C-alpha atoms as a PDB file:
ATOM      1  CA  MET A   1     206.794 172.659  51.139  1.00  0.00           C
ATOM      2  CA  ASN A   2     203.251 172.634  52.602  1.00  0.00           C
ATOM      3  CA  LEU A   3     200.794 175.556  52.787  1.00  0.00           C
ATOM      4  CA  LYS A   4     201.686 176.345  56.402  1.00  0.00           C
ATOM      5  CA  GLN A   5     205.409 176.615  55.568  1.00  0.00           C
ATOM      6  CA  ILE A   6     204.736 178.770  52.498  1.00  0.00           C
ATOM      7  CA  LEU A   7     202.518 181.185  54.454  1.00  0.00           C
ATOM      8  CA  THR A   8     204.992 181.350  57.354  1.00  0.00           C
ATOM      9  CA  THR A   9     207.867 182.131  54.978  1.00  0.00           C
ATOM     10  CA  ALA A  10     205.822 184.787  53.184  1.00  0.00           C
ATOM     11  CA  VAL A  11     204.730 186.458  56.440  1.00  0.00           C
ATOM     12  CA  LEU A  12     208.291 186.513  57.791  1.00  0.00           C
ATOM     13  CA  THR A  13     209.547 187.980  54.527  1.00  0.00           C
ATOM     14  CA  ALA A  14     206.887 190.687  54.733  1.00  0.00           C
ATOM     15  CA  CYS A  15     207.757 191.494  58.353  1.00  0.00           C
ATOM     16  CA  VAL A  16     211.490 191.999  57.751  1.00  0.00           C
ATOM     17  CA  SER A  17     211.042 194.361  54.815  1.00  0.00           C
ATOM     18  CA  THR A  18     212.319 197.809  55.845  1.00  0.00           C
ATOM     19  CA  VAL A  19     212.259 199.916  52.694  1.00  0.00           C
ATOM     20  CA  ALA A  20     210.677 203.276  53.586  1.00  0.00           C
ATOM     21  CA  MET A  21     208.295 204.677  51.021  1.00  0.00           C
ATOM     22  CA  SER A  22     204.588 205.561  51.088  1.00  0.00           C
ATOM     23  CA  GLN A  23     201.477 204.316  52.859  1.00  0.00           C
ATOM     24  CA  THR A  24     200.012 201.146  51.293  1.00  0.00           C
ATOM     25  CA  TYR A  25     196.419 201.624  52.504  1.00  0.00           C
ATOM     26  CA  GLU A  26     194.397 204.590  51.185  1.00  0.00           C
ATOM     27  CA  LYS A  27     190.867 205.964  51.364  1.00  0.00           C
ATOM     28  CA  GLY A  28     188.698 204.227  48.764  1.00  0.00           C
ATOM     29  CA  ASP A  29     190.624 200.929  48.807  1.00  0.00           C
ATOM     30  CA  ASN A  30     188.535 197.760  48.565  1.00  0.00           C
ATOM     31  CA  LEU A  31     190.362 194.976  50.413  1.00  0.00           C
ATOM     32  CA  LEU A  32     189.657 191.247  50.235  1.00  0.00           C
ATOM     33  CA  ASN A  33     191.321 188.618  52.457  1.00  0.00           C
ATOM     34  CA  VAL A  34     190.894 184.878  51.786  1.00  0.00           C
ATOM     35  CA  GLY A  35     192.568 182.606  54.296  1.00  0.00           C
ATOM     36  CA  VAL A  36     192.730 179.698  56.685  1.00  0.00           C
ATOM     37  CA  GLY A  37     192.841 179.702  60.455  1.00  0.00           C
ATOM     38  CA  VAL A  38     194.769 177.798  63.089  1.00  0.00           C
ATOM     39  CA  GLY A  39     194.311 177.520  66.821  1.00  0.00           C
ATOM     40  CA  GLY A  40     191.047 177.237  68.674  1.00  0.00           C
ATOM     41  CA  ALA A  41     188.739 174.244  68.745  1.00  0.00           C
ATOM     42  CA  PHE A  42     187.419 174.389  65.191  1.00  0.00           C
ATOM     43  CA  GLY A  43     189.961 172.437  63.146  1.00  0.00           C
ATOM     44  CA  MET A  44     191.210 174.454  60.149  1.00  0.00           C
ATOM     45  CA  PRO A  45     188.559 177.074  59.342  1.00  0.00           C
ATOM     46  CA  ILE A  46     188.365 179.092  56.158  1.00  0.00           C
ATOM     47  CA  GLY A  47     187.412 182.749  56.150  1.00  0.00           C
ATOM     48  CA  ILE A  48     186.786 185.659  53.814  1.00  0.00           C
ATOM     49  CA  SER A  49     186.739 189.313  54.761  1.00  0.00           C
ATOM     50  CA  TYR A  50     185.997 192.400  52.696  1.00  0.00           C
ATOM     51  CA  GLU A  51     186.603 195.993  53.794  1.00  0.00           C
ATOM     52  CA  HIS A  52     186.160 199.368  52.130  1.00  0.00           C
ATOM     53  CA  GLY A  53     188.389 202.336  53.018  1.00  0.00           C
ATOM     54  CA  PHE A  54     186.125 205.079  54.371  1.00  0.00           C
ATOM     55  CA  SER A  55     189.036 207.363  55.291  1.00  0.00           C
ATOM     56  CA  ASP A  56     192.826 207.264  55.139  1.00  0.00           C
ATOM     57  CA  LYS A  57     192.818 205.378  58.483  1.00  0.00           C
ATOM     58  CA  ILE A  58     189.409 203.625  58.851  1.00  0.00           C
ATOM     59  CA  SER A  59     187.958 200.733  56.849  1.00  0.00           C
ATOM     60  CA  GLY A  60     184.847 198.656  57.450  1.00  0.00           C
ATOM     61  CA  GLY A  61     183.148 195.631  55.996  1.00  0.00           C
ATOM     62  CA  VAL A  62     182.187 192.011  56.609  1.00  0.00           C
ATOM     63  CA  TYR A  63     183.711 188.686  57.625  1.00  0.00           C
ATOM     64  CA  VAL A  64     182.361 185.179  56.931  1.00  0.00           C
ATOM     65  CA  GLY A  65     183.997 182.054  58.326  1.00  0.00           C
ATOM     66  CA  TYR A  66     183.241 178.328  58.064  1.00  0.00           C
ATOM     67  CA  ALA A  67     184.675 175.313  59.863  1.00  0.00           C
ATOM     68  CA  SER A  68     183.729 171.680  60.257  1.00  0.00           C
ATOM     69  CA  LYS A  69     185.094 169.197  62.769  1.00  0.00           C
ATOM     70  CA  THR A  70     184.319 165.503  63.259  1.00  0.00           C
ATOM     71  CA  GLU A  71     184.818 163.775  66.598  1.00  0.00           C
ATOM     72  CA  ASN A  72     185.442 160.068  66.141  1.00  0.00           C
ATOM     73  CA  LEU A  73     183.755 158.347  69.048  1.00  0.00           C
ATOM     74  CA  VAL A  74     184.079 154.607  69.662  1.00  0.00           C
ATOM     75  CA  TRP A  75     180.593 153.797  68.365  1.00  0.00           C
ATOM     76  CA  ALA A  76     179.932 156.638  65.928  1.00  0.00           C
ATOM     77  CA  ASP A  77     181.028 160.034  64.621  1.00  0.00           C
ATOM     78  CA  TYR A  78     179.795 163.415  65.747  1.00  0.00           C
ATOM     79  CA  LYS A  79     180.193 166.258  63.242  1.00  0.00           C
ATOM     80  CA  TRP A  80     180.211 169.913  64.254  1.00  0.00           C
ATOM     81  CA  THR A  81     179.683 172.753  61.771  1.00  0.00           C
ATOM     82  CA  TYR A  82     180.483 176.362  62.639  1.00  0.00           C
ATOM     83  CA  ILE A  83     179.524 179.500  60.717  1.00  0.00           C
ATOM     84  CA  LEU A  84     180.437 183.041  61.708  1.00  0.00           C
ATOM     85  CA  GLY A  85     179.106 186.163  60.001  1.00  0.00           C
ATOM     86  CA  ALA A  86     180.185 189.567  61.263  1.00  0.00           C
ATOM     87  CA  ALA A  87     180.743 193.238  60.593  1.00  0.00           C
ATOM     88  CA  ARG A  88     184.294 194.426  61.126  1.00  0.00           C
ATOM     89  CA  ALA A  89     186.156 197.724  61.211  1.00  0.00           C
ATOM     90  CA  SER A  90     189.894 198.378  61.163  1.00  0.00           C
ATOM     91  CA  TYR A  91     192.256 201.236  61.952  1.00  0.00           C
ATOM     92  CA  HIS A  92     195.282 201.315  59.608  1.00  0.00           C
ATOM     93  CA  PHE A  93     198.762 202.450  60.658  1.00  0.00           C
ATOM     94  CA  ASP A  94     201.451 203.994  58.495  1.00  0.00           C
ATOM     95  CA  PHE A  95     204.933 202.869  59.585  1.00  0.00           C
ATOM     96  CA  ASN A  96     206.491 204.137  56.330  1.00  0.00           C
ATOM     97  CA  VAL A  97     207.254 200.589  55.177  1.00  0.00           C
ATOM     98  CA  GLU A  98     206.621 200.117  51.479  1.00  0.00           C
ATOM     99  CA  ASN A  99     203.832 197.617  50.643  1.00  0.00           C
ATOM    100  CA  LEU A 100     202.948 196.984  54.328  1.00  0.00           C
ATOM    101  CA  ASP A 101     199.430 197.640  55.701  1.00  0.00           C
ATOM    102  CA  PRO A 102     199.338 197.017  59.480  1.00  0.00           C
ATOM    103  CA  TYR A 103     195.965 197.365  61.246  1.00  0.00           C
ATOM    104  CA  ILE A 104     193.926 196.661  64.375  1.00  0.00           C
ATOM    105  CA  GLY A 105     190.171 196.379  64.580  1.00  0.00           C
ATOM    106  CA  VAL A 106     186.931 195.138  66.070  1.00  0.00           C
ATOM    107  CA  ILE A 107     184.340 192.570  65.043  1.00  0.00           C
ATOM    108  CA  LEU A 108     180.637 192.206  65.899  1.00  0.00           C
ATOM    109  CA  GLY A 109     178.543 189.384  64.529  1.00  0.00           C
ATOM    110  CA  TYR A 110     176.678 186.130  64.986  1.00  0.00           C
ATOM    111  CA  ASN A 111     178.128 182.640  65.493  1.00  0.00           C
ATOM    112  CA  TYR A 112     176.127 179.497  64.636  1.00  0.00           C
ATOM    113  CA  ALA A 113     177.114 175.950  65.581  1.00  0.00           C
ATOM    114  CA  LYS A 114     175.323 172.701  64.747  1.00  0.00           C
ATOM    115  CA  GLY A 115     176.060 169.117  65.772  1.00  0.00           C
ATOM    116  CA  GLU A 116     175.125 166.014  63.753  1.00  0.00           C
ATOM    117  CA  TRP A 117     175.170 162.421  64.979  1.00  0.00           C
ATOM    118  CA  ASP A 118     176.276 159.803  62.431  1.00  0.00           C
ATOM    119  CA  GLY A 119     175.752 156.139  63.283  1.00  0.00           C
ATOM    120  CA  GLY A 120     175.538 154.150  66.473  1.00  0.00           C
ATOM    121  CA  GLY A 121     172.068 152.779  67.082  1.00  0.00           C
ATOM    122  CA  ASN A 122     168.931 154.819  66.987  1.00  0.00           C
ATOM    123  CA  ASN A 123     170.426 158.318  66.997  1.00  0.00           C
ATOM    124  CA  ALA A 124     169.476 158.690  70.632  1.00  0.00           C
ATOM    125  CA  TRP A 125     171.566 161.851  70.986  1.00  0.00           C
ATOM    126  CA  PRO A 126     169.871 165.013  69.732  1.00  0.00           C
ATOM    127  CA  ALA A 127     171.407 167.202  67.050  1.00  0.00           C
ATOM    128  CA  PRO A 128     172.094 170.366  69.047  1.00  0.00           C
ATOM    129  CA  SER A 129     172.529 173.787  67.608  1.00  0.00           C
ATOM    130  CA  ALA A 130     173.619 176.985  69.256  1.00  0.00           C
ATOM    131  CA  GLY A 131     174.298 180.537  68.286  1.00  0.00           C
ATOM    132  CA  GLY A 132     174.735 183.965  69.634  1.00  0.00           C
ATOM    133  CA  VAL A 133     176.173 187.421  69.303  1.00  0.00           C
ATOM    134  CA  VAL A 134     179.969 187.549  69.265  1.00  0.00           C
ATOM    135  CA  TYR A 135     182.419 190.421  69.537  1.00  0.00           C
ATOM    136  CA  GLY A 136     186.157 190.779  69.693  1.00  0.00           C
ATOM    137  CA  GLY A 137     189.234 192.317  68.191  1.00  0.00           C
ATOM    138  CA  HIS A 138     191.924 191.567  65.637  1.00  0.00           C
ATOM    139  CA  ALA A 139     195.417 192.758  64.745  1.00  0.00           C
ATOM    140  CA  GLY A 140     197.147 192.027  61.490  1.00  0.00           C
ATOM    141  CA  ALA A 141     199.048 193.149  58.450  1.00  0.00           C
ATOM    142  CA  ARG A 142     198.919 192.825  54.702  1.00  0.00           C
ATOM    143  CA  TYR A 143     202.015 192.803  52.527  1.00  0.00           C
ATOM    144  CA  PHE A 144     201.512 193.521  48.826  1.00  0.00           C
ATOM    145  CA  PHE A 145     203.853 192.066  46.195  1.00  0.00           C
ATOM    146  CA  SER A 146     202.098 194.090  43.501  1.00  0.00           C
ATOM    147  CA  PRO A 147     199.512 196.910  43.550  1.00  0.00           C
ATOM    148  CA  LYS A 148     196.643 194.348  43.668  1.00  0.00           C
ATOM    149  CA  PHE A 149     198.040 191.142  45.232  1.00  0.00           C
ATOM    150  CA  GLY A 150     199.635 190.202  48.547  1.00  0.00           C
ATOM    151  CA  ILE A 151     199.402 188.130  51.706  1.00  0.00           C
ATOM    152  CA  PHE A 152     197.925 188.759  55.143  1.00  0.00           C
ATOM    153  CA  ALA A 153     198.251 187.450  58.687  1.00  0.00           C
ATOM    154  CA  GLU A 154     195.939 188.208  61.637  1.00  0.00           C
ATOM    155  CA  VAL A 155     195.495 187.256  65.257  1.00  0.00           C
ATOM    156  CA  GLY A 156     192.328 187.783  67.241  1.00  0.00           C
ATOM    157  CA  TYR A 157     188.700 186.813  67.049  1.00  0.00           C
ATOM    158  CA  GLY A 158     187.522 184.538  64.267  1.00  0.00           C
ATOM    159  CA  LEU A 159     187.068 180.797  63.944  1.00  0.00           C
ATOM    160  CA  GLY A 160     190.845 180.467  64.366  1.00  0.00           C
ATOM    161  CA  ASN A 161     193.101 182.304  66.809  1.00  0.00           C
ATOM    162  CA  ALA A 162     195.423 183.139  63.910  1.00  0.00           C
ATOM    163  CA  ASN A 163     194.532 183.493  60.234  1.00  0.00           C
ATOM    164  CA  ALA A 164     196.717 183.833  57.154  1.00  0.00           C
ATOM    165  CA  GLY A 165     196.220 183.804  53.426  1.00  0.00           C
ATOM    166  CA  LEU A 166     195.951 185.892  50.287  1.00  0.00           C
ATOM    167  CA  ALA A 167     195.108 189.601  50.159  1.00  0.00           C
ATOM    168  CA  PHE A 168     193.686 191.485  47.184  1.00  0.00           C
ATOM    169  CA  LYS A 169     192.917 195.116  46.350  1.00  0.00           C
ATOM    170  CA  LEU A 170     189.844 195.170  44.135  1.00  0.00           C
END
């Protein structure tokens, strides 16, 4: 079973859980997501987000993502590197599902991209770089298997259109 199949199975298992208990997210929680992305033009990016619970519904923190993609041209390779750093905030819902933390949120940050030419003559093509302010939204959920460890899945803005991975309460 590959990583994609494991994460898909875990997310589906988390989504079908219907045991009603208490809210998983609380004021004061420190949440860490470490995952990979799919979709978009950036290959398979990796990302890390950290959020602190400022109230029983609102958390805020940071996101950092990295991706690298190589285009194999006939005469050489062109490598792109992408880095995204952003502030993010989330609103947490309580659907009375034990161990489930669903949320929606916003992101505001800076995206940096750099191209590198490798091979093919005298490097006649310049190594471009670009960057700018980015903003967007996200929706996701965490499912905790224990008080400190779980999984997460998100859709929305990032280096991938969908992200999934491990979730931790610190």
